[in-house]
Amino acid sequence: MKTFARLVAVVALLPCGRASAADALPREVRCMLESYPAHLCGFESGALVTCDGEHITWDDGREKTLWERFLEPDPEDVFVYPYPATDAWPPAPKDDPGVIRYEPLLVRMYGGTAREVERRLVRVKWFGRSVRMAPDAAAALAEVAAELKKLPARQHKFFRKTAGTFNWRAIKGSDVRSLHSYGLAIDVGVPYADYWRWAGLDPKKFGPPAYRNRFPREVVEVFERRGFVWGGRWSWFDTMHFEYRPELLCARRAPGLAPPAVTP
């Protein structure tokens, strides 16, 4: 692949040539490079290298609580919750794969203002209408739509109508931007969705709510095959929500992935 070819220029070969430069990298790094080849062109001296030459430190070396990882992550923290195998649901308490995002990289790839993001969006046909997505996610979402059409008609109510894609906003209750802000997320099937906030709980005072989900496994698996993670995998569930995070699906496929240590 192009991405791995680029790595040879920035990562030294192991002794005796027994492993390639790509193989010398942590799996999580390899998944980042494989997932975003238009934006990330290598890894050098502990940093992701963007295709225009910026170095982004992979691990800031800080010990963090889970809340600090959410508010002040480094790229490595994105993988602290490994995305589970297909048959591993409902999620365990406090298991929220995908909720940590490294926003400086998102800004670098997609734009730092609503206008910057919006002018790069691509339209995707979605069951009689069109939605707008970031270029990286648009092709994948078009493949999702084509595959969803093949599912039994009784399941179409879960995805035919969408509550939207691009929406420049923060995640409720925080200053962290939603993936909708970058055209990387889509909400579908709202009348059949379950969302923890609808239970009226305060996350600072109560633990995760009792898990609920009505979405069929077949629908979820279509999205996941194309690089979208599902909010129903979170203990703080949001079953209408899918977001384009191919690096997490890549890491799930990579055997032996060991997440960073977590401070409770």
Protein backbone atom coordinates (compact mmCIF):
# COMPACT_ATOMS: atom_id res chain seq x y z
CA MET A 1 0.00 0.00 0.00
CA LYS A 2 1.11 3.60 -0.60
CA THR A 3 1.06 4.40 3.09
CA PHE A 4 3.40 1.57 4.02
CA ALA A 5 5.74 2.46 1.16
CA ARG A 6 6.06 5.95 2.61
CA LEU A 7 7.00 4.50 5.99
CA VAL A 8 10.22 3.05 4.63
CA ALA A 9 11.53 6.59 4.29
CA VAL A 10 10.93 7.51 7.91
CA VAL A 11 11.26 4.32 9.99
CA ALA A 12 14.49 2.32 10.08
CA LEU A 13 14.46 -1.38 9.17
CA LEU A 14 14.95 -3.82 12.00
CA PRO A 15 18.29 -5.70 12.22
CA CYS A 16 19.01 -8.28 9.49
CA GLY A 17 16.04 -7.03 7.49
CA ARG A 18 13.76 -9.54 9.18
CA ALA A 19 10.84 -7.10 9.45
CA SER A 20 9.67 -4.24 7.32
CA ALA A 21 9.55 -0.63 8.49
CA ALA A 22 5.79 -0.84 8.71
CA ASP A 23 5.96 -3.95 10.88
CA ALA A 24 8.21 -2.09 13.32
CA LEU A 25 5.44 0.37 14.17
CA PRO A 26 2.81 -0.07 16.89
CA ARG A 27 -0.39 -1.51 15.44
CA GLU A 28 -2.35 1.59 16.42
CA VAL A 29 0.06 3.81 14.46
CA ARG A 30 -0.15 1.54 11.44
CA CYS A 31 -3.94 1.71 11.60
CA MET A 32 -3.87 5.51 11.66
CA LEU A 33 -1.61 5.64 8.62
CA GLU A 34 -3.61 3.01 6.75
CA SER A 35 -6.92 4.76 7.52
CA TYR A 36 -5.96 8.32 6.54
CA PRO A 37 -3.42 8.09 3.70
CA ALA A 38 -4.50 11.42 2.20
CA HIS A 39 -3.54 13.18 5.43
CA LEU A 40 -0.85 11.12 7.21
CA CYS A 41 2.30 10.14 5.34
CA GLY A 42 4.56 8.62 7.96
CA PHE A 43 5.76 8.24 11.54
CA GLU A 44 9.07 9.63 12.76
CA SER A 45 10.68 10.14 16.17
CA GLY A 46 7.48 9.35 18.08
CA ALA A 47 5.27 11.56 15.94
CA LEU A 48 2.73 11.17 13.17
CA VAL A 49 3.89 13.05 10.08
CA THR A 50 1.20 14.82 8.06
CA CYS A 51 1.49 14.91 4.29
CA ASP A 52 2.46 18.59 4.47
CA GLY A 53 5.24 17.90 6.94
CA GLU A 54 3.80 18.66 10.38
CA HIS A 55 4.84 16.38 13.26
CA ILE A 56 2.12 15.44 15.77
CA THR A 57 3.39 13.84 18.99
CA TRP A 58 1.87 10.39 19.41
CA ASP A 59 2.17 10.07 23.22
CA ASP A 60 2.47 13.13 25.46
CA GLY A 61 3.74 10.94 28.32
CA ARG A 62 1.17 12.13 30.85
CA GLU A 63 -0.70 9.95 33.31
CA LYS A 64 -4.41 10.76 32.90
CA THR A 65 -7.77 9.86 34.31
CA LEU A 66 -10.43 8.76 31.86
CA TRP A 67 -12.01 12.22 31.97
CA GLU A 68 -8.64 13.84 31.27
CA ARG A 69 -8.15 11.52 28.31
CA PHE A 70 -11.49 12.70 26.96
CA LEU A 71 -10.74 16.40 27.46
CA GLU A 72 -6.98 16.48 26.77
CA PRO A 73 -6.07 13.42 24.69
CA ASP A 74 -3.05 12.65 22.59
CA PRO A 75 -3.42 10.46 19.46
CA GLU A 76 -2.54 7.30 21.40
CA ASP A 77 -5.45 7.91 23.78
CA VAL A 78 -7.89 7.38 20.90
CA PHE A 79 -7.24 3.66 21.28
CA VAL A 80 -7.63 3.39 25.06
CA TYR A 81 -11.00 1.67 24.54
CA PRO A 82 -10.40 -1.02 21.89
CA TYR A 83 -13.38 -1.47 19.59
CA PRO A 84 -14.95 -4.85 20.44
CA ALA A 85 -15.53 -7.90 18.31
CA THR A 86 -18.81 -8.07 16.40
CA ASP A 87 -20.53 -10.36 18.91
CA ALA A 88 -19.39 -8.41 22.01
CA TRP A 89 -22.42 -6.40 23.06
CA PRO A 90 -23.98 -4.92 25.13
CA PRO A 91 -20.91 -2.96 26.28
CA ALA A 92 -19.41 -3.37 29.72
CA PRO A 93 -19.84 -0.49 32.20
CA LYS A 94 -17.57 2.46 31.34
CA ASP A 95 -16.60 0.82 28.05
CA ASP A 96 -16.93 3.52 25.39
CA PRO A 97 -14.80 2.76 22.30
CA GLY A 98 -14.56 5.80 20.07
CA VAL A 99 -15.60 8.53 22.50
CA ILE A 100 -12.01 9.85 22.68
CA ARG A 101 -11.08 11.94 19.65
CA TYR A 102 -7.89 13.90 19.02
CA GLU A 103 -9.35 17.17 17.79
CA PRO A 104 -6.16 18.96 16.62
CA LEU A 105 -5.72 16.25 13.99
CA LEU A 106 -9.37 16.50 12.95
CA VAL A 107 -8.93 20.25 12.51
CA ARG A 108 -5.79 19.63 10.49
CA MET A 109 -7.55 17.15 8.20
CA TYR A 110 -11.00 18.70 7.80
CA GLY A 111 -10.93 22.36 8.92
CA GLY A 112 -11.10 24.46 12.04
CA THR A 113 -14.29 26.40 11.35
CA ALA A 114 -17.75 25.52 10.08
CA ARG A 115 -17.00 27.30 6.81
CA GLU A 116 -13.70 25.47 6.27
CA VAL A 117 -15.32 22.09 6.86
CA GLU A 118 -18.46 22.84 4.87
CA ARG A 119 -16.71 23.86 1.67
CA ARG A 120 -14.97 20.46 1.52
CA LEU A 121 -18.07 18.33 2.06
CA VAL A 122 -19.27 15.87 -0.59
CA ARG A 123 -22.90 14.94 -1.26
CA VAL A 124 -23.90 11.29 -0.88
CA LYS A 125 -27.22 9.84 -2.05
CA TRP A 126 -29.17 8.45 0.88
CA PHE A 127 -32.55 6.79 0.20
CA GLY A 128 -34.25 9.51 -1.81
CA ARG A 129 -32.29 12.46 -0.48
CA SER A 130 -28.67 13.50 -0.19
CA VAL A 131 -26.46 14.12 2.82
CA ARG A 132 -23.12 15.88 3.14
CA MET A 133 -20.01 14.14 4.42
CA ALA A 134 -16.25 14.72 4.54
CA PRO A 135 -14.51 13.27 1.48
CA ASP A 136 -12.88 10.47 3.51
CA ALA A 137 -16.27 9.32 4.79
CA ALA A 138 -18.38 10.01 1.70
CA ALA A 139 -17.22 7.06 -0.40
CA ALA A 140 -17.61 4.72 2.58
CA LEU A 141 -21.13 5.97 3.29
CA ALA A 142 -22.13 5.46 -0.34
CA GLU A 143 -21.03 1.83 0.01
CA VAL A 144 -23.04 1.56 3.24
CA ALA A 145 -26.18 2.80 1.46
CA ALA A 146 -25.73 0.33 -1.39
CA GLU A 147 -25.36 -2.57 1.04
CA LEU A 148 -28.23 -1.48 3.30
CA LYS A 149 -30.60 -1.54 0.33
CA LYS A 150 -30.09 -5.30 0.16
CA LEU A 151 -31.33 -5.90 3.70
CA PRO A 152 -34.91 -7.13 4.29
CA ALA A 153 -37.55 -4.40 3.91
CA ARG A 154 -38.59 -4.75 7.56
CA GLN A 155 -35.17 -3.40 8.60
CA HIS A 156 -35.22 -0.29 6.40
CA LYS A 157 -37.03 1.77 9.04
CA PHE A 158 -33.79 1.81 11.05
CA PHE A 159 -31.80 3.73 8.46
CA ARG A 160 -33.95 5.11 5.62
CA LYS A 161 -34.57 8.45 7.38
CA THR A 162 -31.64 10.40 8.74
CA ALA A 163 -31.55 13.14 11.37
CA GLY A 164 -28.51 14.64 9.67
CA THR A 165 -24.78 14.54 9.13
CA PHE A 166 -22.80 17.81 9.17
CA ASN A 167 -23.61 20.04 12.15
CA TRP A 168 -20.95 22.32 13.65
CA ARG A 169 -21.50 21.84 17.39
CA ALA A 170 -19.96 20.63 20.61
CA ILE A 171 -20.96 17.42 22.35
CA LYS A 172 -23.63 18.35 24.86
CA GLY A 173 -22.14 18.93 28.29
CA SER A 174 -18.58 19.53 27.04
CA ASP A 175 -16.40 21.77 24.88
CA VAL A 176 -15.33 18.82 22.72
CA ARG A 177 -16.66 18.97 19.19
CA SER A 178 -18.97 16.27 17.90
CA LEU A 179 -17.81 14.29 14.86
CA HIS A 180 -20.85 15.81 13.13
CA SER A 181 -18.82 19.03 13.09
CA TYR A 182 -16.37 17.48 10.64
CA GLY A 183 -18.89 15.69 8.41
CA LEU A 184 -17.86 12.32 9.82
CA ALA A 185 -21.08 11.20 11.52
CA ILE A 186 -24.65 10.33 10.60
CA ASP A 187 -27.73 9.77 12.78
CA VAL A 188 -30.42 7.41 11.49
CA GLY A 189 -33.67 5.77 12.59
CA VAL A 190 -34.38 8.20 15.42
CA PRO A 191 -37.91 6.85 16.20
CA TYR A 192 -36.33 3.45 16.88
CA ALA A 193 -33.21 4.71 18.65
CA ASP A 194 -32.19 4.74 22.30
CA TYR A 195 -30.04 7.46 23.83
CA TRP A 196 -28.80 7.66 27.40
CA ARG A 197 -29.67 11.35 27.77
CA TRP A 198 -33.33 10.58 27.19
CA ALA A 199 -33.20 8.72 30.52
CA GLY A 200 -32.58 12.08 32.23
CA LEU A 201 -29.43 11.00 34.07
CA ASP A 202 -26.54 13.23 35.17
CA PRO A 203 -23.27 11.47 34.21
CA LYS A 204 -21.43 13.30 37.03
CA LYS A 205 -23.74 11.84 39.67
CA PHE A 206 -24.84 8.47 38.32
CA GLY A 207 -23.21 5.52 36.60
CA PRO A 208 -24.08 4.44 33.05
CA PRO A 209 -27.81 3.81 32.54
CA ALA A 210 -29.31 0.39 31.88
CA TYR A 211 -28.40 -0.47 28.31
CA ARG A 212 -31.11 -0.31 25.63
CA ASN A 213 -31.03 -1.02 21.92
CA ARG A 214 -33.52 -1.86 19.18
CA PHE A 215 -31.20 -1.72 16.15
CA PRO A 216 -30.68 -5.07 14.42
CA ARG A 217 -27.19 -6.50 14.32
CA GLU A 218 -27.32 -6.72 10.52
CA VAL A 219 -27.67 -2.94 10.16
CA VAL A 220 -24.81 -2.23 12.55
CA GLU A 221 -22.49 -4.69 10.82
CA VAL A 222 -23.00 -2.99 7.43
CA PHE A 223 -21.75 0.30 8.85
CA GLU A 224 -18.87 -1.33 10.67
CA ARG A 225 -17.66 -3.15 7.56
CA ARG A 226 -17.20 0.26 5.92
CA GLY A 227 -15.31 1.89 8.79
CA PHE A 228 -18.13 3.40 10.87
CA VAL A 229 -18.23 2.83 14.63
CA TRP A 230 -21.59 2.66 16.38
CA GLY A 231 -22.81 4.62 19.39
CA GLY A 232 -24.57 1.50 20.59
CA ARG A 233 -21.13 0.13 21.51
CA TRP A 234 -20.90 2.72 24.28
CA SER A 235 -22.07 2.22 27.84
CA TRP A 236 -23.38 5.80 27.45
CA PHE A 237 -25.27 4.58 24.41
CA ASP A 238 -26.49 6.53 21.39
CA THR A 239 -27.86 3.90 19.03
CA MET A 240 -28.85 6.28 16.21
CA HIS A 241 -25.24 7.45 15.85
CA PHE A 242 -22.58 6.15 13.46
CA GLU A 243 -19.24 7.88 12.87
CA TYR A 244 -16.39 7.26 10.47
CA ARG A 245 -13.46 5.92 12.53
CA PRO A 246 -11.72 3.32 10.34
CA GLU A 247 -8.63 3.34 12.57
CA LEU A 248 -10.65 1.70 15.37
CA LEU A 249 -12.04 -1.01 13.08
CA CYS A 250 -8.52 -1.61 11.75
CA ALA A 251 -7.16 -1.99 15.28
CA ARG A 252 -9.96 -4.45 16.08
CA ARG A 253 -8.80 -6.62 13.18
CA ALA A 254 -5.17 -6.46 14.27
CA PRO A 255 -4.43 -9.37 16.64
CA GLY A 256 -2.89 -8.77 20.03
CA LEU A 257 -3.73 -5.10 20.38
CA ALA A 258 -2.87 -3.99 23.89
CA PRO A 259 -4.53 -0.73 25.00
CA PRO A 260 -2.61 1.86 27.04
CA ALA A 261 -2.86 1.65 30.81
CA VAL A 262 -5.82 3.57 32.24
CA THR A 263 -5.91 5.49 35.51
CA PRO A 264 -9.43 5.11 37.03
